[in-house]
Amino acid sequence: MIEYVAKSVAPENIGVGSHSSAPTAHHARVHRLRFTDVGASVLQLIAEAENEVKQTAKASDSRQIRFENYGSDRIKRAAKVSPDAFAQLAMQLTYYRIHGTFASVYETASTRQFLHGRTETVRSLSAESADFMRTMSDPASSSREKYEALVRTANKHQILLRDASSGNGVDRHILGLRMAYHRLQPLPSEAPLTAAEKNAIEDFFNDPILAKSTNFQLSTSGLFPAYYLSHTGFGSVVAERGYGINYIIEPKRIKFGTEGKTPSFGKGTDVERFEATLRQTLVELKAICEQSNEVSAGDSSRL
């Protein structure tokens, strides 16, 4: 819907005299809503909400990264892997190069094939992706070794994505267990939880490894190709060294809507440096794939 609206108001689709203030037969007349008798308490809440929005905007560093060098056509031809997996690896490697550590990664997977299904988490950081980042950072690694590590990781990513979309992820299941534990009472036929059982459950939910694995420093979501969308956003969920990124992979370019906290609010986050490093990483990955698959840099033949 947003893409439809953006396309409709694009300059090339609006001719001279194409707009009119007169209502048409298929458009309802627009009426201004006027609010009267607003109490002092409501006005106070509005003022508080306005201040909160201003503070949120002040803490946010958001920018649109438009990478025009290539898109999904070139990825499929030169890298021979899923464009989504390729973009995920580029973002993970970018983070690793900036911060010197692996980021816990959230990627949205759709579960719309199920009744009332919405999303599940793809935990894109894997043993394979860690090996890929180490290989890319090793001066002794050849281009072929780097490419083979990329392919292994991309294949693993496709498995993780398929599992999450098929209802075999873990995060929504854990959320359901957590909600059931805190909000539901035992059925009449069930015995109450013993102290030992409660302690075991609390130990699981409070496990530091679980907490760290859900502290998503890279919170990402891929969108369907949308040519007319000029800016998208996906807020970071971690203030310290955290980035929120949604991305659109088009045939000839990739757009990343990137958000992080400003230095005053987010320790270590650097959106400007992330953009520069991501661009460099994407150019480097393309060269490695072209060299490994003997694809000419100027070869623009169709897939």
C-alpha atoms as a PDB file:
ATOM      1  CA  MET A   1       0.000   0.000   0.000  1.00  0.00           C
ATOM      2  CA  ILE A   2       2.795   2.421   0.880  1.00  0.00           C
ATOM      3  CA  GLU A   3       4.526   1.645  -2.406  1.00  0.00           C
ATOM      4  CA  TYR A   4       1.243   2.315  -4.246  1.00  0.00           C
ATOM      5  CA  VAL A   5       0.850   5.707  -2.574  1.00  0.00           C
ATOM      6  CA  ALA A   6       4.508   6.611  -3.191  1.00  0.00           C
ATOM      7  CA  LYS A   7       4.169   5.664  -6.839  1.00  0.00           C
ATOM      8  CA  SER A   8       0.968   7.666  -7.186  1.00  0.00           C
ATOM      9  CA  VAL A   9       2.570  10.887  -5.944  1.00  0.00           C
ATOM     10  CA  ALA A  10       5.892  10.433  -7.765  1.00  0.00           C
ATOM     11  CA  PRO A  11       6.638  13.465  -9.991  1.00  0.00           C
ATOM     12  CA  GLU A  12       6.687  11.419 -13.190  1.00  0.00           C
ATOM     13  CA  ASN A  13       3.161  10.185 -12.485  1.00  0.00           C
ATOM     14  CA  ILE A  14       1.613  13.578 -11.798  1.00  0.00           C
ATOM     15  CA  GLY A  15       0.727  15.636 -14.844  1.00  0.00           C
ATOM     16  CA  VAL A  16      -0.099  19.316 -15.042  1.00  0.00           C
ATOM     17  CA  GLY A  17      -3.647  19.898 -13.898  1.00  0.00           C
ATOM     18  CA  SER A  18      -3.987  16.354 -12.613  1.00  0.00           C
ATOM     19  CA  HIS A  19      -4.878  17.522  -9.125  1.00  0.00           C
ATOM     20  CA  SER A  20      -8.147  19.120  -8.139  1.00  0.00           C
ATOM     21  CA  SER A  21      -9.752  20.272  -4.946  1.00  0.00           C
ATOM     22  CA  ALA A  22     -13.184  19.249  -6.168  1.00  0.00           C
ATOM     23  CA  PRO A  23     -14.449  15.884  -4.885  1.00  0.00           C
ATOM     24  CA  THR A  24     -14.905  13.156  -7.484  1.00  0.00           C
ATOM     25  CA  ALA A  25     -17.593  10.544  -7.691  1.00  0.00           C
ATOM     26  CA  HIS A  26     -15.342   7.881  -6.181  1.00  0.00           C
ATOM     27  CA  HIS A  27     -13.718   9.977  -3.455  1.00  0.00           C
ATOM     28  CA  ALA A  28     -15.580  10.876  -0.294  1.00  0.00           C
ATOM     29  CA  ARG A  29     -15.484  14.516   0.740  1.00  0.00           C
ATOM     30  CA  VAL A  30     -12.850  15.167   3.390  1.00  0.00           C
ATOM     31  CA  HIS A  31     -13.979  16.885   6.560  1.00  0.00           C
ATOM     32  CA  ARG A  32     -11.734  18.386   9.180  1.00  0.00           C
ATOM     33  CA  LEU A  33     -12.218  16.907  12.614  1.00  0.00           C
ATOM     34  CA  ARG A  34     -12.439  19.564  15.309  1.00  0.00           C
ATOM     35  CA  PHE A  35     -11.955  18.511  18.918  1.00  0.00           C
ATOM     36  CA  THR A  36     -13.784  20.553  21.520  1.00  0.00           C
ATOM     37  CA  ASP A  37     -14.019  20.525  25.285  1.00  0.00           C
ATOM     38  CA  VAL A  38     -10.633  18.863  25.754  1.00  0.00           C
ATOM     39  CA  GLY A  39      -9.940  18.641  29.450  1.00  0.00           C
ATOM     40  CA  ALA A  40      -6.770  19.775  31.173  1.00  0.00           C
ATOM     41  CA  SER A  41      -5.717  16.205  31.908  1.00  0.00           C
ATOM     42  CA  VAL A  42      -5.912  15.303  28.220  1.00  0.00           C
ATOM     43  CA  LEU A  43      -3.934  18.390  27.243  1.00  0.00           C
ATOM     44  CA  GLN A  44      -1.291  17.416  29.789  1.00  0.00           C
ATOM     45  CA  LEU A  45      -1.025  13.928  28.303  1.00  0.00           C
ATOM     46  CA  ILE A  46      -0.684  15.423  24.823  1.00  0.00           C
ATOM     47  CA  ALA A  47       2.126  17.692  26.019  1.00  0.00           C
ATOM     48  CA  GLU A  48       3.910  14.762  27.666  1.00  0.00           C
ATOM     49  CA  ALA A  49       3.575  12.672  24.521  1.00  0.00           C
ATOM     50  CA  GLU A  50       4.923  15.530  22.408  1.00  0.00           C
ATOM     51  CA  ASN A  51       7.954  15.880  24.658  1.00  0.00           C
ATOM     52  CA  GLU A  52       8.577  12.122  24.585  1.00  0.00           C
ATOM     53  CA  VAL A  53       8.481  12.111  20.783  1.00  0.00           C
ATOM     54  CA  LYS A  54      10.944  15.010  20.655  1.00  0.00           C
ATOM     55  CA  GLN A  55      13.349  13.211  22.988  1.00  0.00           C
ATOM     56  CA  THR A  56      13.084  10.009  20.953  1.00  0.00           C
ATOM     57  CA  ALA A  57      13.833  11.899  17.747  1.00  0.00           C
ATOM     58  CA  LYS A  58      16.748  13.682  19.405  1.00  0.00           C
ATOM     59  CA  ALA A  59      18.276  10.356  20.417  1.00  0.00           C
ATOM     60  CA  SER A  60      17.931   8.823  16.955  1.00  0.00           C
ATOM     61  CA  ASP A  61      20.427   8.875  14.093  1.00  0.00           C
ATOM     62  CA  SER A  62      18.636   7.649  10.992  1.00  0.00           C
ATOM     63  CA  ARG A  63      19.822   7.570   7.421  1.00  0.00           C
ATOM     64  CA  GLN A  64      18.996   5.932   4.120  1.00  0.00           C
ATOM     65  CA  ILE A  65      21.864   4.035   2.505  1.00  0.00           C
ATOM     66  CA  ARG A  66      21.289   3.755  -1.243  1.00  0.00           C
ATOM     67  CA  PHE A  67      23.821   1.358  -2.695  1.00  0.00           C
ATOM     68  CA  GLU A  68      23.629   1.826  -6.462  1.00  0.00           C
ATOM     69  CA  ASN A  69      26.517  -0.416  -7.586  1.00  0.00           C
ATOM     70  CA  TYR A  70      24.463  -3.578  -7.982  1.00  0.00           C
ATOM     71  CA  GLY A  71      21.417  -5.484  -6.737  1.00  0.00           C
ATOM     72  CA  SER A  72      19.822  -8.914  -6.799  1.00  0.00           C
ATOM     73  CA  ASP A  73      20.577  -9.522 -10.498  1.00  0.00           C
ATOM     74  CA  ARG A  74      24.304  -9.274  -9.926  1.00  0.00           C
ATOM     75  CA  ILE A  75      24.221 -11.193  -6.644  1.00  0.00           C
ATOM     76  CA  LYS A  76      22.505 -14.165  -8.237  1.00  0.00           C
ATOM     77  CA  ARG A  77      24.858 -14.147 -11.228  1.00  0.00           C
ATOM     78  CA  ALA A  78      28.203 -13.475  -9.531  1.00  0.00           C
ATOM     79  CA  ALA A  79      27.662 -14.888  -6.022  1.00  0.00           C
ATOM     80  CA  LYS A  80      25.131 -17.600  -6.919  1.00  0.00           C
ATOM     81  CA  VAL A  81      23.496 -17.361  -3.489  1.00  0.00           C
ATOM     82  CA  SER A  82      20.281 -15.941  -2.066  1.00  0.00           C
ATOM     83  CA  PRO A  83      20.312 -12.107  -2.223  1.00  0.00           C
ATOM     84  CA  ASP A  84      18.802 -11.983   1.278  1.00  0.00           C
ATOM     85  CA  ALA A  85      21.547 -14.183   2.696  1.00  0.00           C
ATOM     86  CA  PHE A  86      24.139 -12.075   0.883  1.00  0.00           C
ATOM     87  CA  ALA A  87      22.769  -8.863   2.413  1.00  0.00           C
ATOM     88  CA  GLN A  88      22.675 -10.440   5.871  1.00  0.00           C
ATOM     89  CA  LEU A  89      26.307 -11.493   5.629  1.00  0.00           C
ATOM     90  CA  ALA A  90      27.322  -8.034   4.443  1.00  0.00           C
ATOM     91  CA  MET A  91      25.655  -6.438   7.469  1.00  0.00           C
ATOM     92  CA  GLN A  92      27.151  -8.936   9.922  1.00  0.00           C
ATOM     93  CA  LEU A  93      30.626  -8.488   8.452  1.00  0.00           C
ATOM     94  CA  THR A  94      30.213  -4.711   8.604  1.00  0.00           C
ATOM     95  CA  TYR A  95      29.365  -4.905  12.300  1.00  0.00           C
ATOM     96  CA  TYR A  96      32.298  -7.230  12.959  1.00  0.00           C
ATOM     97  CA  ARG A  97      34.723  -4.900  11.197  1.00  0.00           C
ATOM     98  CA  ILE A  98      33.555  -1.885  13.185  1.00  0.00           C
ATOM     99  CA  HIS A  99      33.170  -3.383  16.655  1.00  0.00           C
ATOM    100  CA  GLY A 100      35.493  -6.388  16.532  1.00  0.00           C
ATOM    101  CA  THR A 101      32.839  -8.767  17.843  1.00  0.00           C
ATOM    102  CA  PHE A 102      29.905 -10.817  16.597  1.00  0.00           C
ATOM    103  CA  ALA A 103      26.462  -9.269  16.878  1.00  0.00           C
ATOM    104  CA  SER A 104      23.382 -11.133  17.977  1.00  0.00           C
ATOM    105  CA  VAL A 105      21.128 -10.825  14.922  1.00  0.00           C
ATOM    106  CA  TYR A 106      17.367 -10.660  14.572  1.00  0.00           C
ATOM    107  CA  GLU A 107      15.847 -11.107  11.126  1.00  0.00           C
ATOM    108  CA  THR A 108      12.130 -11.175  10.517  1.00  0.00           C
ATOM    109  CA  ALA A 109      10.633 -14.327   9.008  1.00  0.00           C
ATOM    110  CA  SER A 110       7.005 -14.444   7.913  1.00  0.00           C
ATOM    111  CA  THR A 111       4.734 -17.178   9.274  1.00  0.00           C
ATOM    112  CA  ARG A 112       1.672 -16.036   7.306  1.00  0.00           C
ATOM    113  CA  GLN A 113       1.169 -19.553   5.973  1.00  0.00           C
ATOM    114  CA  PHE A 114      -0.381 -20.352   9.369  1.00  0.00           C
ATOM    115  CA  LEU A 115      -3.706 -19.086  10.668  1.00  0.00           C
ATOM    116  CA  HIS A 116      -3.039 -15.872  12.625  1.00  0.00           C
ATOM    117  CA  GLY A 117       0.652 -16.291  11.863  1.00  0.00           C
ATOM    118  CA  ARG A 118       2.782 -13.162  11.799  1.00  0.00           C
ATOM    119  CA  THR A 119       6.515 -13.436  12.344  1.00  0.00           C
ATOM    120  CA  GLU A 120       9.279 -15.565  13.811  1.00  0.00           C
ATOM    121  CA  THR A 121      12.909 -14.757  14.478  1.00  0.00           C
ATOM    122  CA  VAL A 122      15.671 -15.898  12.170  1.00  0.00           C
ATOM    123  CA  ARG A 123      18.806 -16.034  14.306  1.00  0.00           C
ATOM    124  CA  SER A 124      21.105 -15.171  11.428  1.00  0.00           C
ATOM    125  CA  LEU A 125      24.307 -15.366  13.458  1.00  0.00           C
ATOM    126  CA  SER A 126      25.516 -18.945  13.155  1.00  0.00           C
ATOM    127  CA  ALA A 127      28.708 -20.939  13.553  1.00  0.00           C
ATOM    128  CA  GLU A 128      29.012 -20.737   9.775  1.00  0.00           C
ATOM    129  CA  SER A 129      28.664 -16.952   9.685  1.00  0.00           C
ATOM    130  CA  ALA A 130      31.240 -16.587  12.475  1.00  0.00           C
ATOM    131  CA  ASP A 131      33.644 -18.704  10.423  1.00  0.00           C
ATOM    132  CA  PHE A 132      32.862 -16.541   7.371  1.00  0.00           C
ATOM    133  CA  MET A 133      33.735 -13.333   9.232  1.00  0.00           C
ATOM    134  CA  ARG A 134      36.961 -14.815  10.572  1.00  0.00           C
ATOM    135  CA  THR A 135      37.903 -15.997   7.088  1.00  0.00           C
ATOM    136  CA  MET A 136      37.181 -12.579   5.593  1.00  0.00           C
ATOM    137  CA  SER A 137      39.395 -10.993   8.242  1.00  0.00           C
ATOM    138  CA  ASP A 138      42.315 -13.390   7.743  1.00  0.00           C
ATOM    139  CA  PRO A 139      44.974 -11.907   5.419  1.00  0.00           C
ATOM    140  CA  ALA A 140      46.146 -15.426   4.592  1.00  0.00           C
ATOM    141  CA  SER A 141      42.725 -16.456   3.218  1.00  0.00           C
ATOM    142  CA  SER A 142      42.417 -16.586  -0.553  1.00  0.00           C
ATOM    143  CA  SER A 143      39.489 -15.181  -2.496  1.00  0.00           C
ATOM    144  CA  ARG A 144      38.339 -18.735  -3.164  1.00  0.00           C
ATOM    145  CA  GLU A 145      38.370 -19.592   0.540  1.00  0.00           C
ATOM    146  CA  LYS A 146      36.420 -16.452   1.330  1.00  0.00           C
ATOM    147  CA  TYR A 147      33.856 -17.238  -1.356  1.00  0.00           C
ATOM    148  CA  GLU A 148      33.446 -20.845  -0.180  1.00  0.00           C
ATOM    149  CA  ALA A 149      32.852 -19.604   3.378  1.00  0.00           C
ATOM    150  CA  LEU A 150      30.241 -17.200   2.031  1.00  0.00           C
ATOM    151  CA  VAL A 151      28.426 -19.995   0.178  1.00  0.00           C
ATOM    152  CA  ARG A 152      28.416 -22.284   3.221  1.00  0.00           C
ATOM    153  CA  THR A 153      26.986 -19.516   5.366  1.00  0.00           C
ATOM    154  CA  ALA A 154      24.397 -18.499   2.790  1.00  0.00           C
ATOM    155  CA  ASN A 155      23.203 -22.104   2.537  1.00  0.00           C
ATOM    156  CA  LYS A 156      22.955 -22.321   6.326  1.00  0.00           C
ATOM    157  CA  HIS A 157      21.035 -19.054   6.381  1.00  0.00           C
ATOM    158  CA  GLN A 158      18.463 -20.450   3.958  1.00  0.00           C
ATOM    159  CA  ILE A 159      17.932 -23.420   6.269  1.00  0.00           C
ATOM    160  CA  LEU A 160      17.446 -21.116   9.267  1.00  0.00           C
ATOM    161  CA  LEU A 161      15.022 -18.935   7.317  1.00  0.00           C
ATOM    162  CA  ARG A 162      13.018 -21.928   6.104  1.00  0.00           C
ATOM    163  CA  ASP A 163      12.846 -23.398   9.613  1.00  0.00           C
ATOM    164  CA  ALA A 164      11.631 -20.119  11.114  1.00  0.00           C
ATOM    165  CA  SER A 165       8.996 -19.585   8.412  1.00  0.00           C
ATOM    166  CA  SER A 166       7.773 -23.175   8.866  1.00  0.00           C
ATOM    167  CA  GLY A 167       7.067 -22.717  12.572  1.00  0.00           C
ATOM    168  CA  ASN A 168      10.276 -24.339  13.736  1.00  0.00           C
ATOM    169  CA  GLY A 169      11.877 -21.252  15.245  1.00  0.00           C
ATOM    170  CA  VAL A 170      12.495 -20.913  18.974  1.00  0.00           C
ATOM    171  CA  ASP A 171      11.748 -17.321  19.951  1.00  0.00           C
ATOM    172  CA  ARG A 172       7.959 -17.291  19.642  1.00  0.00           C
ATOM    173  CA  HIS A 173       7.842 -20.662  21.384  1.00  0.00           C
ATOM    174  CA  ILE A 174       9.896 -19.309  24.270  1.00  0.00           C
ATOM    175  CA  LEU A 175       7.691 -16.207  24.394  1.00  0.00           C
ATOM    176  CA  GLY A 176       4.613 -18.434  24.634  1.00  0.00           C
ATOM    177  CA  LEU A 177       6.159 -20.414  27.469  1.00  0.00           C
ATOM    178  CA  ARG A 178       7.098 -17.225  29.299  1.00  0.00           C
ATOM    179  CA  MET A 179       3.600 -15.769  28.931  1.00  0.00           C
ATOM    180  CA  ALA A 180       2.000 -19.036  30.010  1.00  0.00           C
ATOM    181  CA  TYR A 181       4.186 -19.237  33.105  1.00  0.00           C
ATOM    182  CA  HIS A 182       3.502 -15.685  34.232  1.00  0.00           C
ATOM    183  CA  ARG A 183      -0.165 -15.318  33.260  1.00  0.00           C
ATOM    184  CA  LEU A 184      -1.884 -18.701  33.231  1.00  0.00           C
ATOM    185  CA  GLN A 185      -3.082 -20.717  36.182  1.00  0.00           C
ATOM    186  CA  PRO A 186      -2.942 -24.541  36.284  1.00  0.00           C
ATOM    187  CA  LEU A 187      -6.005 -26.324  34.962  1.00  0.00           C
ATOM    188  CA  PRO A 188      -8.321 -27.900  37.568  1.00  0.00           C
ATOM    189  CA  SER A 189      -6.880 -31.309  36.769  1.00  0.00           C
ATOM    190  CA  GLU A 190      -3.274 -30.133  37.109  1.00  0.00           C
ATOM    191  CA  ALA A 191      -1.242 -29.934  40.274  1.00  0.00           C
ATOM    192  CA  PRO A 192       0.352 -26.564  41.108  1.00  0.00           C
ATOM    193  CA  LEU A 193       4.014 -26.168  40.300  1.00  0.00           C
ATOM    194  CA  THR A 194       6.374 -27.223  43.043  1.00  0.00           C
ATOM    195  CA  ALA A 195       9.076 -24.896  44.351  1.00  0.00           C
ATOM    196  CA  ALA A 196      11.711 -26.940  42.541  1.00  0.00           C
ATOM    197  CA  GLU A 197       9.824 -26.701  39.246  1.00  0.00           C
ATOM    198  CA  LYS A 198       9.409 -22.944  39.646  1.00  0.00           C
ATOM    199  CA  ASN A 199      13.122 -22.557  40.361  1.00  0.00           C
ATOM    200  CA  ALA A 200      14.009 -24.564  37.267  1.00  0.00           C
ATOM    201  CA  ILE A 201      11.734 -22.406  35.111  1.00  0.00           C
ATOM    202  CA  GLU A 202      13.100 -19.175  36.583  1.00  0.00           C
ATOM    203  CA  ASP A 203      16.659 -20.394  36.019  1.00  0.00           C
ATOM    204  CA  PHE A 204      15.865 -21.029  32.369  1.00  0.00           C
ATOM    205  CA  PHE A 205      14.247 -17.646  31.710  1.00  0.00           C
ATOM    206  CA  ASN A 206      17.006 -15.827  33.623  1.00  0.00           C
ATOM    207  CA  ASP A 207      19.861 -17.679  31.987  1.00  0.00           C
ATOM    208  CA  PRO A 208      22.511 -15.117  30.934  1.00  0.00           C
ATOM    209  CA  ILE A 209      23.118 -16.918  27.637  1.00  0.00           C
ATOM    210  CA  LEU A 210      19.430 -16.622  26.727  1.00  0.00           C
ATOM    211  CA  ALA A 211      19.478 -12.950  27.710  1.00  0.00           C
ATOM    212  CA  LYS A 212      22.578 -12.244  25.636  1.00  0.00           C
ATOM    213  CA  SER A 213      21.267 -14.117  22.611  1.00  0.00           C
ATOM    214  CA  THR A 214      18.108 -11.989  22.586  1.00  0.00           C
ATOM    215  CA  ASN A 215      19.999  -8.721  23.008  1.00  0.00           C
ATOM    216  CA  PHE A 216      19.809  -8.117  19.265  1.00  0.00           C
ATOM    217  CA  GLN A 217      22.525  -5.630  18.344  1.00  0.00           C
ATOM    218  CA  LEU A 218      21.547  -6.066  14.714  1.00  0.00           C
ATOM    219  CA  SER A 219      17.773  -5.939  14.354  1.00  0.00           C
ATOM    220  CA  THR A 220      16.948  -6.431  10.685  1.00  0.00           C
ATOM    221  CA  SER A 221      14.034  -6.998   8.354  1.00  0.00           C
ATOM    222  CA  GLY A 222      13.962  -7.477   4.599  1.00  0.00           C
ATOM    223  CA  LEU A 223      11.196  -5.769   2.617  1.00  0.00           C
ATOM    224  CA  PHE A 224       9.772  -6.599  -0.777  1.00  0.00           C
ATOM    225  CA  PRO A 225      11.292  -4.638  -3.676  1.00  0.00           C
ATOM    226  CA  ALA A 226       9.736  -1.171  -3.696  1.00  0.00           C
ATOM    227  CA  TYR A 227      11.228   1.226  -6.225  1.00  0.00           C
ATOM    228  CA  TYR A 228       9.339   4.327  -5.089  1.00  0.00           C
ATOM    229  CA  LEU A 229      10.054   4.039  -1.382  1.00  0.00           C
ATOM    230  CA  SER A 230      12.900   6.490  -0.812  1.00  0.00           C
ATOM    231  CA  HIS A 231      13.355   5.968   2.924  1.00  0.00           C
ATOM    232  CA  THR A 232      12.485   3.181   5.326  1.00  0.00           C
ATOM    233  CA  GLY A 233      13.183   2.733   8.998  1.00  0.00           C
ATOM    234  CA  PHE A 234      13.622  -0.042  11.521  1.00  0.00           C
ATOM    235  CA  GLY A 235      14.507   1.159  14.993  1.00  0.00           C
ATOM    236  CA  SER A 236      17.400  -0.308  16.935  1.00  0.00           C
ATOM    237  CA  VAL A 237      16.359  -2.257  20.020  1.00  0.00           C
ATOM    238  CA  VAL A 238      19.743  -1.966  21.753  1.00  0.00           C
ATOM    239  CA  ALA A 239      21.168   1.461  22.547  1.00  0.00           C
ATOM    240  CA  GLU A 240      24.774   0.338  23.006  1.00  0.00           C
ATOM    241  CA  ARG A 241      26.363  -0.638  19.697  1.00  0.00           C
ATOM    242  CA  GLY A 242      22.922  -1.407  18.283  1.00  0.00           C
ATOM    243  CA  TYR A 243      21.500  -0.871  14.796  1.00  0.00           C
ATOM    244  CA  GLY A 244      18.030  -1.281  13.353  1.00  0.00           C
ATOM    245  CA  ILE A 245      18.041  -1.973   9.624  1.00  0.00           C
ATOM    246  CA  ASN A 246      15.406  -2.841   7.111  1.00  0.00           C
ATOM    247  CA  TYR A 247      16.517  -3.311   3.554  1.00  0.00           C
ATOM    248  CA  ILE A 248      15.078  -3.521   0.064  1.00  0.00           C
ATOM    249  CA  ILE A 249      16.974  -5.565  -2.518  1.00  0.00           C
ATOM    250  CA  GLU A 250      16.057  -4.383  -5.997  1.00  0.00           C
ATOM    251  CA  PRO A 251      17.430  -5.847  -9.232  1.00  0.00           C
ATOM    252  CA  LYS A 252      19.965  -3.041  -9.693  1.00  0.00           C
ATOM    253  CA  ARG A 253      20.445  -1.576  -6.198  1.00  0.00           C
ATOM    254  CA  ILE A 254      20.036  -2.167  -2.477  1.00  0.00           C
ATOM    255  CA  LYS A 255      18.509   0.278   0.007  1.00  0.00           C
ATOM    256  CA  PHE A 256      19.191   0.077   3.731  1.00  0.00           C
ATOM    257  CA  GLY A 257      17.077   2.095   6.161  1.00  0.00           C
ATOM    258  CA  THR A 258      19.473   2.338   9.113  1.00  0.00           C
ATOM    259  CA  GLU A 259      18.863   3.668  12.621  1.00  0.00           C
ATOM    260  CA  GLY A 260      21.015   3.873  15.715  1.00  0.00           C
ATOM    261  CA  LYS A 261      21.275   6.075  18.756  1.00  0.00           C
ATOM    262  CA  THR A 262      23.302   9.286  18.778  1.00  0.00           C
ATOM    263  CA  PRO A 263      26.555   9.315  20.806  1.00  0.00           C
ATOM    264  CA  SER A 264      24.769  11.024  23.694  1.00  0.00           C
ATOM    265  CA  PHE A 265      22.277   8.165  23.999  1.00  0.00           C
ATOM    266  CA  GLY A 266      23.956   5.094  22.515  1.00  0.00           C
ATOM    267  CA  LYS A 267      27.469   4.123  23.553  1.00  0.00           C
ATOM    268  CA  GLY A 268      29.579   2.916  20.643  1.00  0.00           C
ATOM    269  CA  THR A 269      26.909   3.181  17.920  1.00  0.00           C
ATOM    270  CA  ASP A 270      28.183   4.903  14.771  1.00  0.00           C
ATOM    271  CA  VAL A 271      25.681   4.992  11.909  1.00  0.00           C
ATOM    272  CA  GLU A 272      27.939   7.117   9.700  1.00  0.00           C
ATOM    273  CA  ARG A 273      30.806   4.658  10.013  1.00  0.00           C
ATOM    274  CA  PHE A 274      28.414   1.757   9.505  1.00  0.00           C
ATOM    275  CA  GLU A 275      27.349   3.218   6.151  1.00  0.00           C
ATOM    276  CA  ALA A 276      30.915   3.726   4.929  1.00  0.00           C
ATOM    277  CA  THR A 277      31.984   0.241   6.040  1.00  0.00           C
ATOM    278  CA  LEU A 278      28.906  -1.414   4.560  1.00  0.00           C
ATOM    279  CA  ARG A 279      29.533   0.191   1.182  1.00  0.00           C
ATOM    280  CA  GLN A 280      33.156  -0.954   1.232  1.00  0.00           C
ATOM    281  CA  THR A 281      32.115  -4.475   2.286  1.00  0.00           C
ATOM    282  CA  LEU A 282      29.551  -4.799  -0.512  1.00  0.00           C
ATOM    283  CA  VAL A 283      32.120  -3.744  -3.120  1.00  0.00           C
ATOM    284  CA  GLU A 284      34.659  -6.225  -1.722  1.00  0.00           C
ATOM    285  CA  LEU A 285      32.195  -9.131  -1.647  1.00  0.00           C
ATOM    286  CA  LYS A 286      31.237  -8.488  -5.258  1.00  0.00           C
ATOM    287  CA  ALA A 287      34.882  -8.591  -6.351  1.00  0.00           C
ATOM    288  CA  ILE A 288      35.497 -11.852  -4.466  1.00  0.00           C
ATOM    289  CA  CYS A 289      32.442 -13.513  -6.024  1.00  0.00           C
ATOM    290  CA  GLU A 290      33.291 -12.331  -9.549  1.00  0.00           C
ATOM    291  CA  GLN A 291      36.852 -13.580  -9.233  1.00  0.00           C
ATOM    292  CA  SER A 292      35.806 -16.961  -7.831  1.00  0.00           C
ATOM    293  CA  ASN A 293      33.156 -17.567 -10.486  1.00  0.00           C
ATOM    294  CA  GLU A 294      35.121 -15.933 -13.318  1.00  0.00           C
ATOM    295  CA  VAL A 295      32.410 -13.398 -13.961  1.00  0.00           C
ATOM    296  CA  SER A 296      33.628 -10.242 -15.658  1.00  0.00           C
ATOM    297  CA  ALA A 297      33.044  -7.025 -13.738  1.00  0.00           C
ATOM    298  CA  GLY A 298      31.514  -5.564 -16.872  1.00  0.00           C
ATOM    299  CA  ASP A 299      29.349  -8.569 -17.680  1.00  0.00           C
ATOM    300  CA  SER A 300      25.764  -7.418 -17.514  1.00  0.00           C
ATOM    301  CA  SER A 301      24.168 -10.339 -19.343  1.00  0.00           C
ATOM    302  CA  ARG A 302      20.722 -11.325 -18.187  1.00  0.00           C
ATOM    303  CA  LEU A 303      20.133 -14.139 -15.728  1.00  0.00           C
END
